[in-house]
Amino acid sequence: MSQKPLDYTAAGVDYSKIDPLKILAQQAASSTRGNLASHGVSEIPASRGESAYVMEVGGVLIASITECLGTKALVADAVRPITGKTHYDAIAQDTIAMAVNDLITVGATPLSVHAYWSAGGSEWFADEQRMRDLVAGWQKACDVCKVSWGGGETPALAGVVEAGRIDLAASSVGIIPSRERLTLGDKMGDGDEIVLLASSGIHANGVSLARKLVERLPDGYASKLADGRLYGEALLDPTVLYVPVTEALFAAGIVPHYSANITGHGWRKIMRHGGNFTYRIHTLPDVPTVLSFIQHHAGIDDREAYGSLNMGAGFAFYVKAGQGAEVVRIAESLGVKAWLAGRVEAGTKQVVIEPLSLTYAADELHLRA
């Protein structure tokens, strides 16, 4: 007897319940913008609803963001007895990537990162190897992105966080040197090219589904993938840090018309821009083995898989016609596989993935007030 497909909702994540809170919060947050005037500061209104918030302070554009890792630390803890490694160096990179990969979507150069490591009790911090790996991984990710680790907070929250667990989060602040560097979508238009950057695997979104799937696998996290790796180990491949790519694009004089970090909501995030455009995809990136494994063993179809997971695309650039090939070249020169994957068309807001005969309509993504 075949098992019922294991979708993201069955794994405990239902965006139809989460997204309304985001919209309610956006509405309340927007009403506070007037508070900036007393400080001689103003917001960039178009940044509302985007992945990072932008303010103008004395003629300087400052962007900021706060993000959390999610449940991936639970995978690291479960896999440690199998591999003998804590994997918290990779977990650290994931956490920083969640913040800086959002920050760069508005055209910012990240400058600083702050850590929030909230444990279920003081005992969590007594594991010396785990702490050394977390600190080393955090420092290395900062160095890759050329940001300063400004500090952070390490509360022990017994009764709030489960004993033996950690909740990891990061905030980041960046600078946008000029208004010409703002990538808030005002220049997006018909004919723009879509470039997709490769993911390294699941990144830090869809992990609840990946963890739930373990209950169906006889060997759990020790299950073998088609490439011979262990399922749990592959899940812990760290999220790609895309900061070096955006910095290289700016150095080459290429300013994307828009950018999207493909995280929760999967490929539906490709239509994050508030305008009415069709995003027509003609070329698909390679799907990481671990994501193919999840789709197969969870029994989910392409609509669910591409609507929840990154399926090989971790970031999207929307650039003017003729620039896509150069964006691909620059990304690949930095070791990040990229594809000139599609184009933007004026018209109905939707994502059309032609090779899969799959379309996501505008009402399948609710991120804006």
Protein backbone atom coordinates (compact mmCIF):
# COMPACT_ATOMS: atom_id res chain seq x y z
CA MET A 1 0.00 0.00 0.00
CA SER A 2 1.48 3.32 -1.07
CA GLN A 3 1.93 6.02 1.54
CA LYS A 4 0.23 9.39 1.43
CA PRO A 5 2.48 12.12 -0.07
CA LEU A 6 4.39 13.98 2.62
CA ASP A 7 4.01 17.66 1.75
CA TYR A 8 5.24 20.72 3.62
CA THR A 9 1.93 21.22 5.43
CA ALA A 10 2.05 17.64 6.76
CA ALA A 11 5.53 18.44 8.08
CA GLY A 12 4.04 21.20 10.23
CA VAL A 13 4.65 24.25 8.04
CA ASP A 14 1.55 25.86 6.57
CA TYR A 15 2.27 29.22 4.92
CA SER A 16 -1.44 29.92 4.56
CA LYS A 17 -1.47 30.32 8.35
CA ILE A 18 1.92 32.05 8.69
CA ASP A 19 1.74 34.60 5.87
CA PRO A 20 -1.33 36.48 7.21
CA LEU A 21 0.69 37.35 10.33
CA LYS A 22 3.47 38.71 8.14
CA ILE A 23 1.00 40.91 6.30
CA LEU A 24 -0.59 42.11 9.56
CA ALA A 25 2.86 42.95 10.91
CA GLN A 26 3.77 44.81 7.71
CA GLN A 27 0.66 46.95 8.04
CA ALA A 28 1.47 47.86 11.64
CA ALA A 29 5.15 48.39 10.86
CA SER A 30 4.34 50.73 7.98
CA SER A 31 2.44 53.02 10.34
CA THR A 32 5.63 53.60 12.34
CA ARG A 33 7.60 55.14 9.49
CA GLY A 34 6.74 58.65 10.66
CA ASN A 35 8.78 58.08 13.81
CA LEU A 36 11.95 58.45 11.73
CA ALA A 37 11.29 62.12 10.95
CA SER A 38 12.18 63.23 14.48
CA HIS A 39 15.67 61.82 13.87
CA GLY A 40 16.12 63.45 10.49
CA VAL A 41 15.87 60.01 8.88
CA SER A 42 13.51 58.67 6.21
CA GLU A 43 12.71 55.24 4.86
CA ILE A 44 12.82 54.13 1.25
CA PRO A 45 9.11 53.24 0.90
CA ALA A 46 9.69 50.74 -1.91
CA SER A 47 11.71 48.57 0.47
CA ARG A 48 8.56 47.75 2.45
CA GLY A 49 7.67 44.14 1.72
CA GLU A 50 11.11 43.36 0.30
CA SER A 51 13.70 41.07 1.87
CA ALA A 52 15.52 43.95 3.60
CA TYR A 53 14.53 47.38 4.92
CA VAL A 54 16.26 50.54 3.65
CA MET A 55 16.58 53.93 5.36
CA GLU A 56 18.30 57.13 4.26
CA VAL A 57 20.48 58.58 7.02
CA GLY A 58 22.24 61.84 6.19
CA GLY A 59 22.29 61.00 2.52
CA VAL A 60 23.54 57.45 3.15
CA LEU A 61 21.36 54.41 2.39
CA ILE A 62 21.41 51.79 5.14
CA ALA A 63 19.82 48.34 4.79
CA SER A 64 19.06 45.92 7.62
CA ILE A 65 17.66 42.45 8.14
CA THR A 66 17.09 39.83 10.87
CA GLU A 67 16.75 36.14 10.06
CA CYS A 68 16.79 32.82 11.89
CA LEU A 69 18.19 29.45 10.93
CA GLY A 70 15.05 27.43 11.56
CA THR A 71 15.26 23.75 12.48
CA LYS A 72 18.48 22.73 10.74
CA ALA A 73 20.38 22.55 14.05
CA LEU A 74 18.18 19.57 14.92
CA VAL A 75 19.57 17.75 11.89
CA ALA A 76 23.13 18.49 12.98
CA ASP A 77 22.41 17.11 16.45
CA ALA A 78 20.83 13.95 15.01
CA VAL A 79 23.61 13.32 12.50
CA ARG A 80 26.51 13.87 14.90
CA PRO A 81 26.43 10.31 16.32
CA ILE A 82 26.57 8.97 12.76
CA THR A 83 29.44 11.09 11.40
CA GLY A 84 31.30 11.98 14.58
CA LYS A 85 31.20 15.65 13.58
CA THR A 86 29.16 18.45 15.18
CA HIS A 87 28.54 20.13 11.79
CA TYR A 88 28.04 23.44 13.61
CA ASP A 89 30.63 25.13 11.40
CA ALA A 90 28.26 24.53 8.48
CA ILE A 91 25.25 25.48 10.61
CA ALA A 92 26.94 28.82 11.36
CA GLN A 93 27.32 29.55 7.65
CA ASP A 94 23.67 28.67 7.09
CA THR A 95 22.59 31.18 9.73
CA ILE A 96 24.67 34.02 8.33
CA ALA A 97 23.57 33.17 4.79
CA MET A 98 19.92 33.50 5.79
CA ALA A 99 20.60 37.13 6.71
CA VAL A 100 23.15 38.35 4.15
CA ASN A 101 21.49 36.63 1.18
CA ASP A 102 18.36 38.63 1.99
CA LEU A 103 20.31 41.85 2.54
CA ILE A 104 21.97 41.80 -0.88
CA THR A 105 18.63 41.61 -2.71
CA VAL A 106 18.20 45.38 -2.27
CA GLY A 107 21.66 46.20 -3.58
CA ALA A 108 23.44 46.40 -0.24
CA THR A 109 27.01 45.56 0.66
CA PRO A 110 26.83 43.81 4.06
CA LEU A 111 29.03 45.47 6.68
CA SER A 112 28.23 43.77 9.99
CA VAL A 113 26.59 40.69 11.45
CA HIS A 114 25.28 40.14 14.98
CA ALA A 115 24.62 36.72 16.46
CA TYR A 116 21.66 35.48 18.50
CA TRP A 117 22.32 32.06 20.00
CA SER A 118 19.50 31.10 22.37
CA ALA A 119 19.93 27.79 24.18
CA GLY A 120 17.56 25.71 26.28
CA GLY A 121 19.95 25.91 29.23
CA SER A 122 23.51 26.72 30.22
CA GLU A 123 24.52 23.09 29.64
CA TRP A 124 24.33 23.56 25.88
CA PHE A 125 27.36 25.84 26.00
CA ALA A 126 29.45 23.27 27.90
CA ASP A 127 30.11 21.20 24.74
CA GLU A 128 33.51 22.61 23.83
CA GLN A 129 33.85 21.05 20.38
CA ARG A 130 30.40 22.18 19.29
CA MET A 131 31.07 25.72 20.48
CA ARG A 132 34.46 25.86 18.78
CA ASP A 133 32.92 24.70 15.51
CA LEU A 134 30.09 27.23 15.78
CA VAL A 135 32.49 30.10 16.44
CA ALA A 136 34.95 29.04 13.74
CA GLY A 137 32.21 28.63 11.15
CA TRP A 138 30.68 31.97 12.05
CA GLN A 139 34.04 33.73 11.72
CA LYS A 140 34.82 32.04 8.40
CA ALA A 141 31.47 33.01 6.89
CA CYS A 142 32.03 36.61 7.99
CA ASP A 143 35.42 36.57 6.28
CA VAL A 144 33.96 35.20 3.04
CA CYS A 145 31.40 38.04 3.02
CA LYS A 146 33.96 40.60 4.24
CA VAL A 147 31.76 41.67 7.14
CA SER A 148 32.54 42.48 10.76
CA TRP A 149 31.11 40.27 13.48
CA GLY A 150 29.87 43.02 15.76
CA GLY A 151 28.71 40.94 18.73
CA GLY A 152 25.52 39.25 19.79
CA GLU A 153 23.50 37.62 22.54
CA THR A 154 23.70 34.14 24.09
CA PRO A 155 20.73 33.69 26.44
CA ALA A 156 19.96 30.45 28.27
CA LEU A 157 16.16 30.20 28.05
CA ALA A 158 15.09 27.12 29.96
CA GLY A 159 11.37 26.62 29.55
CA VAL A 160 11.26 28.65 26.36
CA VAL A 161 13.79 26.72 24.26
CA GLU A 162 13.80 22.95 24.73
CA ALA A 163 16.62 21.56 26.86
CA GLY A 164 19.62 20.51 24.80
CA ARG A 165 18.56 22.66 21.84
CA ILE A 166 19.71 25.94 20.30
CA ASP A 167 17.86 28.60 18.31
CA LEU A 168 20.27 30.41 16.00
CA ALA A 169 19.63 33.76 14.34
CA ALA A 170 21.56 36.64 12.81
CA SER A 171 21.00 40.27 11.97
CA SER A 172 22.96 42.18 9.37
CA VAL A 173 23.42 45.81 8.38
CA GLY A 174 24.73 47.01 5.04
CA ILE A 175 25.31 50.12 2.98
CA ILE A 176 24.03 50.99 -0.48
CA PRO A 177 26.58 53.45 -1.92
CA SER A 178 24.11 55.26 -4.18
CA ARG A 179 20.51 55.23 -5.31
CA GLU A 180 21.73 53.79 -8.60
CA ARG A 181 22.66 50.65 -6.65
CA LEU A 182 19.16 50.17 -5.20
CA THR A 183 17.60 47.01 -6.61
CA LEU A 184 13.98 47.43 -5.58
CA GLY A 185 12.44 46.57 -8.92
CA ASP A 186 11.55 50.01 -10.29
CA LYS A 187 13.55 49.28 -13.45
CA MET A 188 12.16 45.79 -14.03
CA GLY A 189 10.59 45.45 -17.44
CA ASP A 190 9.48 43.32 -20.33
CA GLY A 191 12.42 41.46 -21.85
CA ASP A 192 14.62 41.35 -18.76
CA GLU A 193 16.62 38.15 -18.42
CA ILE A 194 16.40 35.81 -15.43
CA VAL A 195 19.63 34.28 -14.16
CA LEU A 196 19.43 31.53 -11.53
CA LEU A 197 22.35 30.75 -9.23
CA ALA A 198 22.87 27.19 -8.03
CA SER A 199 22.03 26.10 -4.53
CA SER A 200 24.29 23.71 -2.64
CA GLY A 201 21.38 21.55 -1.54
CA ILE A 202 18.41 22.16 0.72
CA HIS A 203 20.00 25.31 2.22
CA ALA A 204 17.93 26.17 5.35
CA ASN A 205 14.39 25.99 3.97
CA GLY A 206 12.28 22.88 3.69
CA VAL A 207 14.21 21.29 6.56
CA SER A 208 11.01 20.52 8.48
CA LEU A 209 9.90 18.37 5.55
CA ALA A 210 13.34 16.73 5.33
CA ARG A 211 13.23 15.90 9.06
CA LYS A 212 9.69 14.54 8.88
CA LEU A 213 10.73 12.25 6.02
CA VAL A 214 13.23 10.50 8.31
CA GLU A 215 10.28 8.77 9.99
CA ARG A 216 9.62 6.94 6.71
CA LEU A 217 13.22 5.88 6.04
CA PRO A 218 14.34 2.54 7.56
CA ASP A 219 17.90 3.87 7.92
CA GLY A 220 16.88 7.41 8.82
CA TYR A 221 19.62 9.98 8.38
CA ALA A 222 22.03 7.15 7.51
CA SER A 223 20.08 6.38 4.32
CA LYS A 224 22.27 6.29 1.23
CA LEU A 225 21.67 8.71 -1.65
CA ALA A 226 22.26 7.85 -5.31
CA ASP A 227 25.69 9.48 -5.11
CA GLY A 228 26.71 7.33 -2.14
CA ARG A 229 26.48 10.07 0.49
CA LEU A 230 24.38 9.82 3.63
CA TYR A 231 21.05 11.63 3.64
CA GLY A 232 21.78 13.44 6.89
CA GLU A 233 25.24 14.50 5.82
CA ALA A 234 23.97 15.90 2.51
CA LEU A 235 21.25 17.87 4.30
CA LEU A 236 24.01 19.66 6.20
CA ASP A 237 25.82 21.06 3.16
CA PRO A 238 25.93 24.78 4.06
CA THR A 239 23.91 27.43 2.25
CA VAL A 240 25.80 29.25 -0.48
CA LEU A 241 26.93 32.77 0.46
CA TYR A 242 26.01 34.85 -2.60
CA VAL A 243 27.63 38.10 -1.39
CA PRO A 244 30.83 37.64 -3.46
CA VAL A 245 28.70 37.32 -6.61
CA THR A 246 26.73 40.53 -6.06
CA GLU A 247 29.90 42.42 -5.17
CA ALA A 248 31.57 41.18 -8.37
CA LEU A 249 28.54 42.23 -10.43
CA PHE A 250 28.62 45.74 -8.98
CA ALA A 251 32.38 45.96 -9.63
CA ALA A 252 31.68 45.04 -13.26
CA GLY A 253 29.06 47.80 -13.54
CA ILE A 254 26.10 45.40 -13.55
CA VAL A 255 23.21 46.42 -11.27
CA PRO A 256 20.34 43.92 -11.39
CA HIS A 257 16.88 45.36 -11.92
CA TYR A 258 15.71 43.05 -9.12
CA SER A 259 16.94 40.09 -7.06
CA ALA A 260 15.21 37.33 -5.13
CA ASN A 261 16.55 34.96 -2.49
CA ILE A 262 14.81 31.65 -3.18
CA THR A 263 14.03 30.35 0.29
CA GLY A 264 10.62 29.51 1.77
CA HIS A 265 7.85 29.25 -0.87
CA GLY A 266 10.37 27.77 -3.32
CA TRP A 267 10.12 28.95 -6.93
CA ARG A 268 7.03 30.97 -6.12
CA LYS A 269 9.57 33.46 -4.75
CA ILE A 270 10.58 34.18 -8.35
CA MET A 271 7.47 36.41 -8.56
CA ARG A 272 8.20 38.29 -5.33
CA HIS A 273 8.29 41.63 -7.22
CA GLY A 274 5.10 43.60 -6.66
CA GLY A 275 4.45 44.29 -10.34
CA ASN A 276 2.46 42.37 -12.92
CA PHE A 277 4.95 40.26 -14.81
CA THR A 278 5.12 36.73 -16.17
CA TYR A 279 8.38 34.97 -15.29
CA ARG A 280 8.90 32.45 -18.06
CA ILE A 281 11.49 29.79 -17.26
CA HIS A 282 12.93 27.80 -20.17
CA THR A 283 16.03 26.23 -18.56
CA LEU A 284 16.10 24.32 -15.29
CA PRO A 285 19.14 24.09 -13.00
CA ASP A 286 20.54 20.75 -11.93
CA VAL A 287 18.58 19.38 -8.98
CA PRO A 288 20.84 18.43 -6.04
CA THR A 289 20.75 14.71 -5.30
CA VAL A 290 19.41 15.27 -1.79
CA LEU A 291 16.42 17.23 -3.12
CA SER A 292 15.63 14.56 -5.71
CA PHE A 293 15.77 12.03 -2.88
CA ILE A 294 13.33 14.07 -0.79
CA GLN A 295 10.90 14.51 -3.66
CA HIS A 296 10.94 10.79 -4.50
CA HIS A 297 10.64 9.40 -0.98
CA ALA A 298 8.12 12.02 0.16
CA GLY A 299 6.02 11.15 -2.88
CA ILE A 300 5.44 14.78 -3.87
CA ASP A 301 4.88 16.03 -7.40
CA ASP A 302 6.77 18.83 -9.15
CA ARG A 303 4.20 21.45 -8.11
CA GLU A 304 4.76 20.74 -4.42
CA ALA A 305 8.52 20.28 -4.78
CA TYR A 306 9.19 23.48 -6.74
CA GLY A 307 6.63 25.38 -4.66
CA SER A 308 8.38 24.53 -1.37
CA LEU A 309 12.04 23.71 -2.07
CA ASN A 310 14.74 25.53 -4.03
CA MET A 311 15.24 22.54 -6.39
CA GLY A 312 18.72 23.70 -7.33
CA ALA A 313 18.14 27.46 -7.61
CA GLY A 314 19.18 29.43 -4.54
CA PHE A 315 19.06 32.97 -5.89
CA ALA A 316 17.65 34.85 -8.88
CA PHE A 317 18.85 37.95 -10.71
CA TYR A 318 16.70 39.93 -13.13
CA VAL A 319 18.92 41.92 -15.49
CA LYS A 320 18.44 43.89 -18.67
CA ALA A 321 18.44 41.98 -21.93
CA GLY A 322 21.95 41.09 -23.04
CA GLN A 323 23.52 41.07 -19.56
CA GLY A 324 22.51 37.56 -18.54
CA ALA A 325 25.43 35.76 -20.14
CA GLU A 326 27.93 38.03 -18.39
CA VAL A 327 26.20 37.47 -15.04
CA VAL A 328 26.54 33.72 -15.59
CA ARG A 329 30.23 34.13 -16.46
CA ILE A 330 30.97 36.22 -13.37
CA ALA A 331 29.12 33.85 -11.03
CA GLU A 332 30.89 30.80 -12.42
CA SER A 333 34.27 32.52 -12.18
CA LEU A 334 33.58 32.60 -8.43
CA GLY A 335 32.66 28.93 -8.30
CA VAL A 336 28.88 29.39 -8.32
CA LYS A 337 27.11 27.55 -11.14
CA ALA A 338 24.55 29.74 -12.93
CA TRP A 339 22.03 29.51 -15.75
CA LEU A 340 20.43 32.04 -18.07
CA ALA A 341 17.10 30.47 -17.23
CA GLY A 342 14.31 32.67 -18.53
CA ARG A 343 12.84 36.06 -19.21
CA VAL A 344 10.42 38.59 -17.79
CA GLU A 345 7.29 39.42 -19.77
CA ALA A 346 4.71 42.15 -19.20
CA GLY A 347 1.29 40.76 -18.32
CA THR A 348 -0.27 38.35 -15.86
CA LYS A 349 1.68 37.86 -12.64
CA GLN A 350 2.77 34.23 -12.65
CA VAL A 351 5.75 31.90 -12.84
CA VAL A 352 5.66 29.62 -15.87
CA ILE A 353 8.14 26.74 -15.77
CA GLU A 354 7.93 25.52 -19.34
CA PRO A 355 10.01 22.29 -19.09
CA LEU A 356 7.65 21.06 -16.36
CA SER A 357 4.43 22.49 -17.84
CA LEU A 358 3.96 24.10 -14.44
CA THR A 359 2.49 27.50 -13.55
CA TYR A 360 2.26 29.30 -10.21
CA ALA A 361 -0.39 32.03 -10.14
CA ALA A 362 -0.15 35.33 -8.27
CA ASP A 363 -2.55 34.18 -5.55
CA GLU A 364 -0.13 31.39 -4.58
CA LEU A 365 2.30 33.85 -2.95
CA HIS A 366 1.11 36.17 -0.18
CA LEU A 367 4.01 38.22 1.18
CA ARG A 368 2.87 41.84 0.86
CA ALA A 369 0.39 43.94 2.74
